[in-house]
Amino acid sequence: MKFVDEVFRLYREQLTESPDGALEVVLQLFSDHTRRDLDQFVATLSDDEMFQMVSLFVVEMLRKKLSDEGLYPSEERMYPLDRNIH
């Protein structure tokens, strides 16, 4: 995906600085965008990219739920940032 390639090029160092680098970069990139902006971005995705995005979103939300419910050992908790992403 061209967008991912561009983000990687621009934020390569930040992406590799910490285990949460990608999460931090993506949250920063999208934090000031409106629902309409995000809808327009999603409209540019191919069918395969849309499938991947939705699938990854559901997997991550399930992992978050498992973590919230204490079903991951504490050292494996994946969401140190207190962001309301849902």
PDB file of N, CA and C in Angstrom:
ATOM      1  N   MET A   1       0.842  -1.170   0.000  1.00  0.00           N
ATOM      2  CA  MET A   1       0.000   0.000   0.000  1.00  0.00           C
ATOM      3  C   MET A   1       0.889   1.235   0.000  1.00  0.00           C
ATOM      4  N   LYS A   2       0.605   2.141  -0.882  1.00  0.00           N
ATOM      5  CA  LYS A   2       1.420   3.344  -1.036  1.00  0.00           C
ATOM      6  C   LYS A   2       1.489   4.160   0.263  1.00  0.00           C
ATOM      7  N   PHE A   3       0.360   4.293   0.953  1.00  0.00           N
ATOM      8  CA  PHE A   3       0.325   5.057   2.196  1.00  0.00           C
ATOM      9  C   PHE A   3       1.284   4.464   3.233  1.00  0.00           C
ATOM     10  N   VAL A   4       1.260   3.154   3.388  1.00  0.00           N
ATOM     11  CA  VAL A   4       2.147   2.487   4.350  1.00  0.00           C
ATOM     12  C   VAL A   4       3.603   2.692   3.958  1.00  0.00           C
ATOM     13  N   ASP A   5       3.906   2.593   2.683  1.00  0.00           N
ATOM     14  CA  ASP A   5       5.278   2.821   2.219  1.00  0.00           C
ATOM     15  C   ASP A   5       5.737   4.239   2.556  1.00  0.00           C
ATOM     16  N   GLU A   6       4.852   5.208   2.389  1.00  0.00           N
ATOM     17  CA  GLU A   6       5.198   6.599   2.678  1.00  0.00           C
ATOM     18  C   GLU A   6       5.389   6.825   4.178  1.00  0.00           C
ATOM     19  N   VAL A   7       4.509   6.259   4.993  1.00  0.00           N
ATOM     20  CA  VAL A   7       4.654   6.372   6.451  1.00  0.00           C
ATOM     21  C   VAL A   7       5.966   5.725   6.885  1.00  0.00           C
ATOM     22  N   PHE A   8       6.270   4.570   6.336  1.00  0.00           N
ATOM     23  CA  PHE A   8       7.512   3.875   6.670  1.00  0.00           C
ATOM     24  C   PHE A   8       8.719   4.740   6.321  1.00  0.00           C
ATOM     25  N   ARG A   9       8.687   5.332   5.144  1.00  0.00           N
ATOM     26  CA  ARG A   9       9.798   6.170   4.703  1.00  0.00           C
ATOM     27  C   ARG A   9       9.977   7.382   5.625  1.00  0.00           C
ATOM     28  N   LEU A  10       8.874   8.018   5.981  1.00  0.00           N
ATOM     29  CA  LEU A  10       8.939   9.241   6.779  1.00  0.00           C
ATOM     30  C   LEU A  10       9.230   8.999   8.265  1.00  0.00           C
ATOM     31  N   TYR A  11       8.788   7.874   8.790  1.00  0.00           N
ATOM     32  CA  TYR A  11       8.859   7.642  10.234  1.00  0.00           C
ATOM     33  C   TYR A  11       9.683   6.411  10.610  1.00  0.00           C
ATOM     34  N   ARG A  12      10.564   6.000   9.739  1.00  0.00           N
ATOM     35  CA  ARG A  12      11.332   4.778   9.951  1.00  0.00           C
ATOM     36  C   ARG A  12      11.996   4.718  11.330  1.00  0.00           C
ATOM     37  N   GLU A  13      12.643   5.790  11.743  1.00  0.00           N
ATOM     38  CA  GLU A  13      13.340   5.786  13.032  1.00  0.00           C
ATOM     39  C   GLU A  13      12.364   5.652  14.196  1.00  0.00           C
ATOM     40  N   GLN A  14      11.274   6.404  14.175  1.00  0.00           N
ATOM     41  CA  GLN A  14      10.294   6.319  15.248  1.00  0.00           C
ATOM     42  C   GLN A  14       9.644   4.938  15.313  1.00  0.00           C
ATOM     43  N   LEU A  15       9.476   4.313  14.159  1.00  0.00           N
ATOM     44  CA  LEU A  15       8.863   2.988  14.110  1.00  0.00           C
ATOM     45  C   LEU A  15       9.718   1.930  14.791  1.00  0.00           C
ATOM     46  N   THR A  16      11.027   2.146  14.792  1.00  0.00           N
ATOM     47  CA  THR A  16      11.929   1.143  15.344  1.00  0.00           C
ATOM     48  C   THR A  16      12.472   1.499  16.724  1.00  0.00           C
ATOM     49  N   GLU A  17      12.110   2.664  17.257  1.00  0.00           N
ATOM     50  CA  GLU A  17      12.633   3.098  18.551  1.00  0.00           C
ATOM     51  C   GLU A  17      12.097   2.294  19.720  1.00  0.00           C
ATOM     52  N   SER A  18      10.865   1.844  19.644  1.00  0.00           N
ATOM     53  CA  SER A  18      10.267   1.097  20.747  1.00  0.00           C
ATOM     54  C   SER A  18       9.296   0.068  20.195  1.00  0.00           C
ATOM     55  N   PRO A  19       8.933  -0.902  21.033  1.00  0.00           N
ATOM     56  CA  PRO A  19       7.964  -1.903  20.577  1.00  0.00           C
ATOM     57  C   PRO A  19       6.615  -1.288  20.196  1.00  0.00           C
ATOM     58  N   ASP A  20       6.306  -0.131  20.768  1.00  0.00           N
ATOM     59  CA  ASP A  20       5.044   0.539  20.467  1.00  0.00           C
ATOM     60  C   ASP A  20       5.193   1.624  19.412  1.00  0.00           C
ATOM     61  N   GLY A  21       6.323   1.656  18.719  1.00  0.00           N
ATOM     62  CA  GLY A  21       6.593   2.699  17.737  1.00  0.00           C
ATOM     63  C   GLY A  21       5.517   2.825  16.679  1.00  0.00           C
ATOM     64  N   ALA A  22       5.092   1.711  16.115  1.00  0.00           N
ATOM     65  CA  ALA A  22       4.073   1.756  15.054  1.00  0.00           C
ATOM     66  C   ALA A  22       2.752   2.281  15.600  1.00  0.00           C
ATOM     67  N   LEU A  23       2.362   1.810  16.776  1.00  0.00           N
ATOM     68  CA  LEU A  23       1.116   2.275  17.381  1.00  0.00           C
ATOM     69  C   LEU A  23       1.173   3.776  17.638  1.00  0.00           C
ATOM     70  N   GLU A  24       2.275   4.240  18.179  1.00  0.00           N
ATOM     71  CA  GLU A  24       2.427   5.672  18.470  1.00  0.00           C
ATOM     72  C   GLU A  24       2.379   6.517  17.202  1.00  0.00           C
ATOM     73  N   VAL A  25       3.055   6.078  16.154  1.00  0.00           N
ATOM     74  CA  VAL A  25       3.071   6.827  14.892  1.00  0.00           C
ATOM     75  C   VAL A  25       1.669   6.876  14.289  1.00  0.00           C
ATOM     76  N   VAL A  26       1.005   5.743  14.236  1.00  0.00           N
ATOM     77  CA  VAL A  26      -0.321   5.692  13.616  1.00  0.00           C
ATOM     78  C   VAL A  26      -1.325   6.523  14.409  1.00  0.00           C
ATOM     79  N   LEU A  27      -1.305   6.416  15.733  1.00  0.00           N
ATOM     80  CA  LEU A  27      -2.226   7.217  16.538  1.00  0.00           C
ATOM     81  C   LEU A  27      -1.967   8.704  16.340  1.00  0.00           C
ATOM     82  N   GLN A  28      -0.706   9.080  16.267  1.00  0.00           N
ATOM     83  CA  GLN A  28      -0.356  10.483  16.033  1.00  0.00           C
ATOM     84  C   GLN A  28      -0.848  10.950  14.657  1.00  0.00           C
ATOM     85  N   LEU A  29      -0.657  10.116  13.648  1.00  0.00           N
ATOM     86  CA  LEU A  29      -1.064  10.488  12.288  1.00  0.00           C
ATOM     87  C   LEU A  29      -2.572  10.711  12.169  1.00  0.00           C
ATOM     88  N   PHE A  30      -3.351   9.873  12.818  1.00  0.00           N
ATOM     89  CA  PHE A  30      -4.792   9.922  12.635  1.00  0.00           C
ATOM     90  C   PHE A  30      -5.538  10.673  13.737  1.00  0.00           C
ATOM     91  N   SER A  31      -4.862  11.076  14.785  1.00  0.00           N
ATOM     92  CA  SER A  31      -5.553  11.647  15.947  1.00  0.00           C
ATOM     93  C   SER A  31      -6.339  12.926  15.655  1.00  0.00           C
ATOM     94  N   ASP A  32      -5.899  13.737  14.742  1.00  0.00           N
ATOM     95  CA  ASP A  32      -6.581  15.001  14.461  1.00  0.00           C
ATOM     96  C   ASP A  32      -7.530  14.933  13.270  1.00  0.00           C
ATOM     97  N   HIS A  33      -7.751  13.744  12.752  1.00  0.00           N
ATOM     98  CA  HIS A  33      -8.618  13.608  11.587  1.00  0.00           C
ATOM     99  C   HIS A  33     -10.063  13.369  11.996  1.00  0.00           C
ATOM    100  N   THR A  34     -10.957  13.856  11.180  1.00  0.00           N
ATOM    101  CA  THR A  34     -12.394  13.679  11.429  1.00  0.00           C
ATOM    102  C   THR A  34     -12.846  12.326  10.891  1.00  0.00           C
ATOM    103  N   ARG A  35     -14.043  11.961  11.251  1.00  0.00           N
ATOM    104  CA  ARG A  35     -14.652  10.740  10.734  1.00  0.00           C
ATOM    105  C   ARG A  35     -14.702  10.807   9.204  1.00  0.00           C
ATOM    106  N   ARG A  36     -15.027  11.971   8.680  1.00  0.00           N
ATOM    107  CA  ARG A  36     -15.101  12.140   7.222  1.00  0.00           C
ATOM    108  C   ARG A  36     -13.734  11.890   6.579  1.00  0.00           C
ATOM    109  N   ASP A  37     -12.673  12.426   7.177  1.00  0.00           N
ATOM    110  CA  ASP A  37     -11.316  12.182   6.666  1.00  0.00           C
ATOM    111  C   ASP A  37     -11.016  10.688   6.623  1.00  0.00           C
ATOM    112  N   LEU A  38     -11.364  10.007   7.708  1.00  0.00           N
ATOM    113  CA  LEU A  38     -11.095   8.569   7.787  1.00  0.00           C
ATOM    114  C   LEU A  38     -11.939   7.797   6.783  1.00  0.00           C
ATOM    115  N   ASP A  39     -13.189   8.197   6.604  1.00  0.00           N
ATOM    116  CA  ASP A  39     -14.046   7.567   5.593  1.00  0.00           C
ATOM    117  C   ASP A  39     -13.450   7.720   4.200  1.00  0.00           C
ATOM    118  N   GLN A  40     -12.917   8.906   3.907  1.00  0.00           N
ATOM    119  CA  GLN A  40     -12.295   9.144   2.601  1.00  0.00           C
ATOM    120  C   GLN A  40     -11.048   8.277   2.422  1.00  0.00           C
ATOM    121  N   PHE A  41     -10.271   8.137   3.493  1.00  0.00           N
ATOM    122  CA  PHE A  41      -9.090   7.280   3.434  1.00  0.00           C
ATOM    123  C   PHE A  41      -9.506   5.826   3.161  1.00  0.00           C
ATOM    124  N   VAL A  42     -10.497   5.350   3.892  1.00  0.00           N
ATOM    125  CA  VAL A  42     -10.965   3.971   3.740  1.00  0.00           C
ATOM    126  C   VAL A  42     -11.519   3.737   2.327  1.00  0.00           C
ATOM    127  N   ALA A  43     -12.152   4.741   1.765  1.00  0.00           N
ATOM    128  CA  ALA A  43     -12.724   4.605   0.418  1.00  0.00           C
ATOM    129  C   ALA A  43     -11.656   4.349  -0.641  1.00  0.00           C
ATOM    130  N   THR A  44     -10.400   4.686  -0.346  1.00  0.00           N
ATOM    131  CA  THR A  44      -9.324   4.475  -1.322  1.00  0.00           C
ATOM    132  C   THR A  44      -8.744   3.062  -1.263  1.00  0.00           C
ATOM    133  N   LEU A  45      -9.149   2.282  -0.270  1.00  0.00           N
ATOM    134  CA  LEU A  45      -8.581   0.947  -0.104  1.00  0.00           C
ATOM    135  C   LEU A  45      -9.141  -0.028  -1.128  1.00  0.00           C
ATOM    136  N   SER A  46      -8.293  -0.961  -1.538  1.00  0.00           N
ATOM    137  CA  SER A  46      -8.760  -2.043  -2.403  1.00  0.00           C
ATOM    138  C   SER A  46      -9.594  -3.005  -1.547  1.00  0.00           C
ATOM    139  N   ASP A  47     -10.289  -3.927  -2.191  1.00  0.00           N
ATOM    140  CA  ASP A  47     -11.073  -4.916  -1.446  1.00  0.00           C
ATOM    141  C   ASP A  47     -10.181  -5.730  -0.510  1.00  0.00           C
ATOM    142  N   ASP A  48      -9.013  -6.114  -0.979  1.00  0.00           N
ATOM    143  CA  ASP A  48      -8.080  -6.887  -0.167  1.00  0.00           C
ATOM    144  C   ASP A  48      -7.584  -6.069   1.031  1.00  0.00           C
ATOM    145  N   GLU A  49      -7.258  -4.809   0.801  1.00  0.00           N
ATOM    146  CA  GLU A  49      -6.801  -3.944   1.897  1.00  0.00           C
ATOM    147  C   GLU A  49      -7.920  -3.734   2.920  1.00  0.00           C
ATOM    148  N   MET A  50      -9.149  -3.598   2.448  1.00  0.00           N
ATOM    149  CA  MET A  50     -10.283  -3.446   3.363  1.00  0.00           C
ATOM    150  C   MET A  50     -10.444  -4.709   4.206  1.00  0.00           C
ATOM    151  N   PHE A  51     -10.358  -5.865   3.576  1.00  0.00           N
ATOM    152  CA  PHE A  51     -10.452  -7.134   4.300  1.00  0.00           C
ATOM    153  C   PHE A  51      -9.361  -7.226   5.361  1.00  0.00           C
ATOM    154  N   GLN A  52      -8.130  -6.908   4.973  1.00  0.00           N
ATOM    155  CA  GLN A  52      -7.020  -6.948   5.920  1.00  0.00           C
ATOM    156  C   GLN A  52      -7.232  -5.983   7.077  1.00  0.00           C
ATOM    157  N   MET A  53      -7.671  -4.774   6.779  1.00  0.00           N
ATOM    158  CA  MET A  53      -7.865  -3.769   7.816  1.00  0.00           C
ATOM    159  C   MET A  53      -8.921  -4.221   8.822  1.00  0.00           C
ATOM    160  N   VAL A  54     -10.058  -4.679   8.327  1.00  0.00           N
ATOM    161  CA  VAL A  54     -11.127  -5.098   9.221  1.00  0.00           C
ATOM    162  C   VAL A  54     -10.707  -6.330  10.021  1.00  0.00           C
ATOM    163  N   SER A  55     -10.055  -7.267   9.371  1.00  0.00           N
ATOM    164  CA  SER A  55      -9.597  -8.478  10.058  1.00  0.00           C
ATOM    165  C   SER A  55      -8.608  -8.143  11.169  1.00  0.00           C
ATOM    166  N   LEU A  56      -7.634  -7.298  10.869  1.00  0.00           N
ATOM    167  CA  LEU A  56      -6.656  -6.911  11.889  1.00  0.00           C
ATOM    168  C   LEU A  56      -7.302  -6.127  13.024  1.00  0.00           C
ATOM    169  N   PHE A  57      -8.251  -5.281  12.693  1.00  0.00           N
ATOM    170  CA  PHE A  57      -8.957  -4.529  13.721  1.00  0.00           C
ATOM    171  C   PHE A  57      -9.660  -5.482  14.697  1.00  0.00           C
ATOM    172  N   VAL A  58     -10.379  -6.457  14.167  1.00  0.00           N
ATOM    173  CA  VAL A  58     -11.098  -7.394  15.035  1.00  0.00           C
ATOM    174  C   VAL A  58     -10.124  -8.217  15.866  1.00  0.00           C
ATOM    175  N   VAL A  59      -9.034  -8.684  15.281  1.00  0.00           N
ATOM    176  CA  VAL A  59      -8.023  -9.432  16.031  1.00  0.00           C
ATOM    177  C   VAL A  59      -7.460  -8.582  17.160  1.00  0.00           C
ATOM    178  N   GLU A  60      -7.112  -7.338  16.872  1.00  0.00           N
ATOM    179  CA  GLU A  60      -6.544  -6.458  17.901  1.00  0.00           C
ATOM    180  C   GLU A  60      -7.553  -6.153  19.000  1.00  0.00           C
ATOM    181  N   MET A  61      -8.813  -5.970  18.644  1.00  0.00           N
ATOM    182  CA  MET A  61      -9.836  -5.719  19.660  1.00  0.00           C
ATOM    183  C   MET A  61     -10.045  -6.948  20.538  1.00  0.00           C
ATOM    184  N   LEU A  62      -9.961  -8.153  19.949  1.00  0.00           N
ATOM    185  CA  LEU A  62     -10.043  -9.375  20.746  1.00  0.00           C
ATOM    186  C   LEU A  62      -8.842  -9.495  21.681  1.00  0.00           C
ATOM    187  N   ARG A  63      -7.650  -9.167  21.193  1.00  0.00           N
ATOM    188  CA  ARG A  63      -6.456  -9.193  22.045  1.00  0.00           C
ATOM    189  C   ARG A  63      -6.585  -8.185  23.184  1.00  0.00           C
ATOM    190  N   LYS A  64      -7.104  -7.013  22.875  1.00  0.00           N
ATOM    191  CA  LYS A  64      -7.305  -5.997  23.910  1.00  0.00           C
ATOM    192  C   LYS A  64      -8.295  -6.507  24.949  1.00  0.00           C
ATOM    193  N   LYS A  65      -9.378  -7.110  24.501  1.00  0.00           N
ATOM    194  CA  LYS A  65     -10.382  -7.659  25.414  1.00  0.00           C
ATOM    195  C   LYS A  65      -9.763  -8.729  26.308  1.00  0.00           C
ATOM    196  N   LEU A  66      -8.961  -9.620  25.725  1.00  0.00           N
ATOM    197  CA  LEU A  66      -8.272 -10.641  26.513  1.00  0.00           C
ATOM    198  C   LEU A  66      -7.368 -10.006  27.563  1.00  0.00           C
ATOM    199  N   SER A  67      -6.644  -8.977  27.154  1.00  0.00           N
ATOM    200  CA  SER A  67      -5.756  -8.274  28.072  1.00  0.00           C
ATOM    201  C   SER A  67      -6.556  -7.590  29.178  1.00  0.00           C
ATOM    202  N   ASP A  68      -7.638  -6.904  28.809  1.00  0.00           N
ATOM    203  CA  ASP A  68      -8.487  -6.220  29.782  1.00  0.00           C
ATOM    204  C   ASP A  68      -9.098  -7.188  30.790  1.00  0.00           C
ATOM    205  N   GLU A  69      -9.396  -8.390  30.330  1.00  0.00           N
ATOM    206  CA  GLU A  69     -10.005  -9.400  31.191  1.00  0.00           C
ATOM    207  C   GLU A  69      -8.960 -10.174  32.007  1.00  0.00           C
ATOM    208  N   GLY A  70      -7.674  -9.819  31.827  1.00  0.00           N
ATOM    209  CA  GLY A  70      -6.618 -10.483  32.586  1.00  0.00           C
ATOM    210  C   GLY A  70      -6.280 -11.873  32.083  1.00  0.00           C
ATOM    211  N   LEU A  71      -6.604 -12.153  30.846  1.00  0.00           N
ATOM    212  CA  LEU A  71      -6.355 -13.474  30.292  1.00  0.00           C
ATOM    213  C   LEU A  71      -4.993 -13.609  29.619  1.00  0.00           C
ATOM    214  N   TYR A  72      -4.214 -12.525  29.596  1.00  0.00           N
ATOM    215  CA  TYR A  72      -2.809 -12.569  29.198  1.00  0.00           C
ATOM    216  C   TYR A  72      -1.994 -12.417  30.476  1.00  0.00           C
ATOM    217  N   PRO A  73      -0.882 -13.150  30.600  1.00  0.00           N
ATOM    218  CA  PRO A  73       0.011 -12.863  31.734  1.00  0.00           C
ATOM    219  C   PRO A  73       0.421 -11.390  31.690  1.00  0.00           C
ATOM    220  N   SER A  74       0.649 -10.773  32.829  1.00  0.00           N
ATOM    221  CA  SER A  74       0.875  -9.328  32.908  1.00  0.00           C
ATOM    222  C   SER A  74       2.007  -8.840  32.016  1.00  0.00           C
ATOM    223  N   GLU A  75       3.081  -9.614  31.853  1.00  0.00           N
ATOM    224  CA  GLU A  75       4.188  -9.162  31.000  1.00  0.00           C
ATOM    225  C   GLU A  75       3.826  -9.169  29.525  1.00  0.00           C
ATOM    226  N   GLU A  76       2.719  -9.807  29.175  1.00  0.00           N
ATOM    227  CA  GLU A  76       2.300  -9.860  27.778  1.00  0.00           C
ATOM    228  C   GLU A  76       1.212  -8.841  27.458  1.00  0.00           C
ATOM    229  N   ARG A  77       0.809  -8.038  28.414  1.00  0.00           N
ATOM    230  CA  ARG A  77      -0.230  -7.040  28.141  1.00  0.00           C
ATOM    231  C   ARG A  77       0.250  -6.131  27.025  1.00  0.00           C
ATOM    232  N   MET A  78      -0.620  -5.871  26.090  1.00  0.00           N
ATOM    233  CA  MET A  78      -0.198  -5.255  24.841  1.00  0.00           C
ATOM    234  C   MET A  78      -0.566  -3.786  24.715  1.00  0.00           C
ATOM    235  N   TYR A  79      -1.304  -3.208  25.644  1.00  0.00           N
ATOM    236  CA  TYR A  79      -1.840  -1.872  25.442  1.00  0.00           C
ATOM    237  C   TYR A  79      -1.433  -0.930  26.566  1.00  0.00           C
ATOM    238  N   PRO A  80      -0.165  -0.509  26.564  1.00  0.00           N
ATOM    239  CA  PRO A  80       0.281   0.405  27.619  1.00  0.00           C
ATOM    240  C   PRO A  80      -0.279   1.810  27.458  1.00  0.00           C
ATOM    241  N   LEU A  81      -0.650   2.179  26.256  1.00  0.00           N
ATOM    242  CA  LEU A  81      -1.200   3.516  26.015  1.00  0.00           C
ATOM    243  C   LEU A  81      -2.678   3.524  26.347  1.00  0.00           C
ATOM    244  N   ASP A  82      -3.111   4.533  27.032  1.00  0.00           N
ATOM    245  CA  ASP A  82      -4.525   4.632  27.384  1.00  0.00           C
ATOM    246  C   ASP A  82      -5.256   5.406  26.301  1.00  0.00           C
ATOM    247  N   ARG A  83      -5.446   4.788  25.164  1.00  0.00           N
ATOM    248  CA  ARG A  83      -6.162   5.412  24.054  1.00  0.00           C
ATOM    249  C   ARG A  83      -7.461   4.662  23.831  1.00  0.00           C
ATOM    250  N   ASN A  84      -8.496   5.387  23.583  1.00  0.00           N
ATOM    251  CA  ASN A  84      -9.796   4.796  23.364  1.00  0.00           C
ATOM    252  C   ASN A  84      -9.955   4.539  21.871  1.00  0.00           C
ATOM    253  N   ILE A  85      -9.475   3.371  21.401  1.00  0.00           N
ATOM    254  CA  ILE A  85      -9.545   3.044  19.979  1.00  0.00           C
ATOM    255  C   ILE A  85     -10.597   1.968  19.770  1.00  0.00           C
ATOM    256  N   HIS A  86     -11.768   2.376  19.448  1.00  0.00           N
ATOM    257  CA  HIS A  86     -12.834   1.426  19.101  1.00  0.00           C
ATOM    258  C   HIS A  86     -14.003   2.108  18.506  1.00  0.00           C
TER     259      HIS A  86
END
